Every structure is written in C-alpha cells, then in structure tokens.
Amino acid sequence: MNSTRMSTIVQYIVVRRDLNWPLGALIGQGCHASVAATHLWHGHEHTQAYLKDLDNMHKVVLGAKSEEHLNKLAKKLENNNIDFKLWMEQPENYPTALALRPYPKDDVKKLFKGFNLLSKQDEPKIVSETSTETKTD
C-alpha cells in the first residue's frame, strides 16, 4: 500500500463517554482494546512498522457518545473491511471501547467524522461528601 509512505501510521481508539466511570477506568478500557488489536494483527505490515519505532507511536483517542454510537462505528468499520477490536466489559458483556490495528492515517481518518477527541471535560463529575450541595430525592 503506497499510502504507508505518504501517511503517518496511527492507531485509532474510541472510548464511550457515557459511562459514569473514573477517568482511569476509561483509559484502561482503551488500553485493553489497543493491546488486543495490536496483538490480533501483530503480523500485519502496518503493525510491524508501527512497532519498529516505539518512541514515535501515534494514537488518536476519540469519544463515543453512547453504546449505540460505538456500535454504529463498529458496523461502519466492518462494512469498510477495517480491522478492529471491540472491547467488551466482562462479565456484563457490553462494549466500552474500540481500537483499530495501526493504519496509515489517510486511509481511515474519514471514517471518524462525528467523533471528537476524548477530553478532560468528558470525565464524570465527582461530588465530594463534604460538598454543600443539597440533594433532592
């Protein structure tokens, strides 16, 4: 594939933003998906090129609005013959994150329209027990 020389090889990771989990737990889900995708396609030429330069790996971490949003992306990727791993939280068996194997960025970036970079503002709000806010039932 000629685009490998023209385009940076990246790994796209998408994490659900609607889970009311601590930021570290969300990052862990993305890490699980990333490692699994890298393992599954370890022998692929793009994965090998990606792993040859460990100090210069590129990842793009995006947020999905919901489980439905993540599942629609998975279907879109399947329809476009894109290699990815949909990470399922166990034992509950629901999707929390998705990662592609490493790809030339120009080959896959168009598939992520409508997804934004995961940001700190996506972190769930944690109210401390010493908060002066009044709860209403």
Protein backbone atom coordinates (compact mmCIF):
# COMPACT_ATOMS: atom_id res chain seq x y z
CA MET A 1 0.00 0.00 0.00
CA ASN A 2 1.65 3.25 -1.12
CA SER A 3 -0.15 5.39 1.46
CA THR A 4 2.12 3.94 4.18
CA ARG A 5 4.98 6.12 2.92
CA MET A 6 2.80 9.20 2.50
CA SER A 7 0.83 8.98 5.72
CA THR A 8 1.75 8.55 9.38
CA ILE A 9 0.72 5.18 10.79
CA VAL A 10 -1.66 5.70 13.71
CA GLN A 11 -3.86 3.63 15.94
CA TYR A 12 -7.38 4.97 16.47
CA ILE A 13 -9.02 4.22 19.82
CA VAL A 14 -12.62 5.13 20.67
CA VAL A 15 -13.90 5.09 24.25
CA ARG A 16 -17.51 5.51 25.41
CA ARG A 17 -18.10 8.88 27.07
CA ASP A 18 -21.46 7.97 28.61
CA LEU A 19 -20.07 5.53 31.16
CA ASN A 20 -20.04 7.18 34.56
CA TRP A 21 -16.63 5.73 35.36
CA PRO A 22 -13.48 7.37 36.71
CA LEU A 23 -11.11 8.61 34.02
CA GLY A 24 -8.53 5.93 34.84
CA ALA A 25 -11.07 3.16 34.28
CA LEU A 26 -11.99 4.62 30.87
CA ILE A 27 -8.33 4.86 29.91
CA GLY A 28 -7.94 1.22 30.95
CA GLN A 29 -10.72 0.17 28.56
CA GLY A 30 -9.00 1.97 25.69
CA CYS A 31 -5.71 0.31 26.63
CA HIS A 32 -7.34 -3.14 26.62
CA ALA A 33 -8.76 -2.53 23.14
CA SER A 34 -5.44 -1.13 21.87
CA VAL A 35 -3.32 -4.02 23.12
CA ALA A 36 -5.85 -6.58 21.85
CA ALA A 37 -5.95 -5.03 18.35
CA THR A 38 -2.15 -4.84 18.23
CA HIS A 39 -1.91 -8.49 19.28
CA LEU A 40 -4.57 -9.71 16.83
CA TRP A 41 -2.84 -8.06 13.86
CA HIS A 42 0.74 -8.31 15.12
CA GLY A 43 1.97 -9.81 11.86
CA HIS A 44 0.43 -7.15 9.62
CA GLU A 45 2.97 -4.94 7.83
CA HIS A 46 1.45 -1.73 9.27
CA THR A 47 1.54 -3.10 12.82
CA GLN A 48 5.15 -4.14 12.36
CA ALA A 49 6.09 -0.69 11.01
CA TYR A 50 4.23 0.94 13.92
CA LEU A 51 6.07 -1.18 16.50
CA LYS A 52 9.52 -0.64 14.95
CA ASP A 53 9.60 2.96 16.20
CA LEU A 54 8.24 2.70 19.76
CA ASP A 55 9.31 6.21 20.75
CA ASN A 56 7.26 7.75 17.93
CA MET A 57 3.97 5.84 18.02
CA HIS A 58 0.86 7.91 17.26
CA LYS A 59 -2.58 7.24 18.71
CA VAL A 60 -5.81 9.17 18.24
CA VAL A 61 -8.20 8.74 21.18
CA LEU A 62 -11.78 9.72 20.47
CA GLY A 63 -15.00 9.65 22.47
CA ALA A 64 -18.25 7.89 21.50
CA LYS A 65 -21.44 9.47 22.82
CA SER A 66 -23.07 6.15 23.73
CA GLU A 67 -23.09 2.39 23.27
CA GLU A 68 -25.23 2.89 20.16
CA HIS A 69 -22.70 5.38 18.73
CA LEU A 70 -19.86 2.89 19.32
CA ASN A 71 -21.84 0.01 17.78
CA LYS A 72 -22.69 2.10 14.69
CA LEU A 73 -19.00 2.84 14.25
CA ALA A 74 -18.17 -0.88 14.57
CA LYS A 75 -20.70 -1.67 11.82
CA LYS A 76 -19.27 1.09 9.61
CA LEU A 77 -15.76 -0.29 10.09
CA GLU A 78 -16.95 -3.83 9.25
CA ASN A 79 -18.64 -2.54 6.09
CA ASN A 80 -15.35 -0.88 5.07
CA ASN A 81 -13.24 -4.00 5.82
CA ILE A 82 -11.29 -2.23 8.57
CA ASP A 83 -9.55 -4.42 11.18
CA PHE A 84 -10.56 -3.52 14.75
CA LYS A 85 -11.25 -4.96 18.17
CA LEU A 86 -14.45 -4.07 20.01
CA TRP A 87 -13.63 -4.41 23.71
CA MET A 88 -16.41 -5.97 25.78
CA GLU A 89 -16.61 -5.40 29.53
CA GLN A 90 -16.98 -8.72 31.36
CA PRO A 91 -18.93 -10.29 32.91
CA GLU A 92 -21.59 -7.73 31.90
CA ASN A 93 -20.79 -8.22 28.18
CA TYR A 94 -21.26 -4.68 26.87
CA PRO A 95 -18.90 -2.67 24.64
CA THR A 96 -16.74 0.01 26.26
CA ALA A 97 -14.06 0.78 23.68
CA LEU A 98 -12.83 0.01 20.21
CA ALA A 99 -9.37 0.09 18.66
CA LEU A 100 -8.14 -0.31 15.11
CA ARG A 101 -4.93 -2.05 14.27
CA PRO A 102 -2.36 0.53 13.20
CA TYR A 103 -3.27 2.08 9.81
CA PRO A 104 -1.95 4.87 7.62
CA LYS A 105 -3.93 7.85 8.94
CA ASP A 106 -5.06 8.94 5.48
CA ASP A 107 -6.66 5.52 4.91
CA VAL A 108 -9.02 5.68 7.90
CA LYS A 109 -9.46 9.23 9.24
CA LYS A 110 -12.55 9.86 7.12
CA LEU A 111 -14.37 7.05 8.96
CA PHE A 112 -14.28 9.01 12.22
CA LYS A 113 -16.32 12.05 11.21
CA GLY A 114 -18.66 12.95 14.08
CA PHE A 115 -16.20 11.81 16.75
CA ASN A 116 -14.25 14.27 18.88
CA LEU A 117 -11.02 13.84 20.76
CA LEU A 118 -11.63 12.47 24.24
CA SER A 119 -11.07 15.35 26.63
CA LYS A 120 -10.87 16.04 30.33
CA GLN A 121 -14.32 17.64 30.20
CA ASP A 122 -15.67 14.17 29.33
CA GLU A 123 -14.58 12.97 32.79
CA PRO A 124 -17.58 12.29 35.06
CA LYS A 125 -18.24 14.90 37.72
CA ILE A 126 -17.43 13.57 41.17
CA VAL A 127 -19.13 15.32 44.06
CA SER A 128 -17.27 15.06 47.34
CA GLU A 129 -19.01 14.01 50.52
CA THR A 130 -18.14 17.38 52.06
CA SER A 131 -19.98 19.23 49.31
CA THR A 132 -22.51 21.80 50.47
CA GLU A 133 -24.86 20.98 47.60
CA THR A 134 -28.33 19.88 48.67
CA LYS A 135 -29.59 16.60 47.28
CA THR A 136 -33.21 16.27 46.30
CA ASP A 137 -34.95 12.92 46.08
